Protein backbone atom coordinates (compact mmCIF):
# COMPACT_ATOMS: atom_id res chain seq x y z
CA MET A 1 -19.34 4.72 23.22
CA ARG A 2 -16.62 2.26 24.18
CA ILE A 3 -15.36 2.02 20.61
CA MET A 4 -15.27 5.80 20.14
CA GLY A 5 -13.46 6.32 23.45
CA SER A 6 -10.95 3.62 22.60
CA LEU A 7 -10.32 5.02 19.12
CA LEU A 8 -9.88 8.52 20.52
CA GLY A 9 -7.48 7.21 23.17
CA ILE A 10 -5.42 5.38 20.55
CA LEU A 11 -5.35 8.47 18.34
CA VAL A 12 -4.12 10.65 21.22
CA ILE A 13 -1.42 8.07 22.04
CA VAL A 14 -0.24 7.98 18.41
CA PHE A 15 -0.07 11.76 18.11
CA GLY A 16 1.67 11.97 21.48
CA GLY A 17 4.25 9.47 20.28
CA ILE A 18 4.84 11.47 17.12
CA TRP A 19 5.24 14.67 19.14
CA MET A 20 7.63 12.98 21.53
CA LEU A 21 9.80 11.51 18.77
CA GLN A 22 9.88 14.80 16.92
CA GLY A 23 10.64 16.80 20.06
CA LEU A 24 13.54 14.48 20.89
CA GLY A 25 14.86 14.81 17.33
CA ILE A 26 14.55 11.08 16.66
CA ALA A 27 12.04 11.15 13.82
CA PHE A 28 10.43 13.65 11.46
CA GLN A 29 13.30 16.14 11.33
CA VAL A 30 11.23 18.74 9.48
CA GLY A 31 9.11 21.42 11.11
CA PHE A 32 9.00 23.75 14.05
CA MET A 33 8.69 20.90 16.57
CA ALA A 34 11.91 19.15 15.53
CA GLY A 35 14.46 19.15 18.32
CA ASP A 36 12.27 21.23 20.67
CA ILE A 37 12.18 19.41 24.02
CA ARG A 38 8.86 21.04 24.97
CA TRP A 39 7.14 18.88 22.37
CA ALA A 40 8.64 15.77 23.93
CA TYR A 41 7.00 16.77 27.22
CA TYR A 42 3.70 17.56 25.49
CA GLY A 43 3.87 14.19 23.76
CA GLY A 44 4.46 12.41 27.05
CA ILE A 45 1.47 14.16 28.58
CA ALA A 46 -0.66 13.25 25.56
CA ILE A 47 0.37 9.60 25.86
CA VAL A 48 -0.64 9.53 29.54
CA VAL A 49 -3.97 11.20 28.70
CA GLY A 50 -4.57 8.70 25.90
CA ILE A 51 -3.89 5.75 28.18
CA ALA A 52 -6.23 7.21 30.81
CA LEU A 53 -8.90 7.66 28.15
CA LEU A 54 -8.52 4.04 27.05
CA ILE A 55 -8.84 2.81 30.63
CA TRP A 56 -11.82 5.07 31.31
CA ALA A 57 -13.66 4.04 28.13
CA ASN A 58 -13.20 0.35 28.77
CA ARG A 59 -14.05 0.45 32.48
CA ARG A 60 -17.11 2.56 31.90
CA SER A 61 -18.62 0.15 29.38
CA SER A 62 -17.92 -2.94 31.49
CA ARG A 63 -19.89 -1.50 34.42
CA ALA A 64 -22.84 -0.53 32.22
CA GLY A 65 -23.27 -4.03 30.75
């Protein structure tokens, strides 16, 4: 379960980073998200959720073992 939680957390962080960069107009200049600041906010939220998921997955497994 720790590995799956960690992989999911990393995946959410990566997608959040992509959304943030695209929303800020820094990378991936193609698509409906390009230059839309809302996606930068959504990306920031996704990054925070991904970090929380990583912390939760790793704390949870260390208590069980």
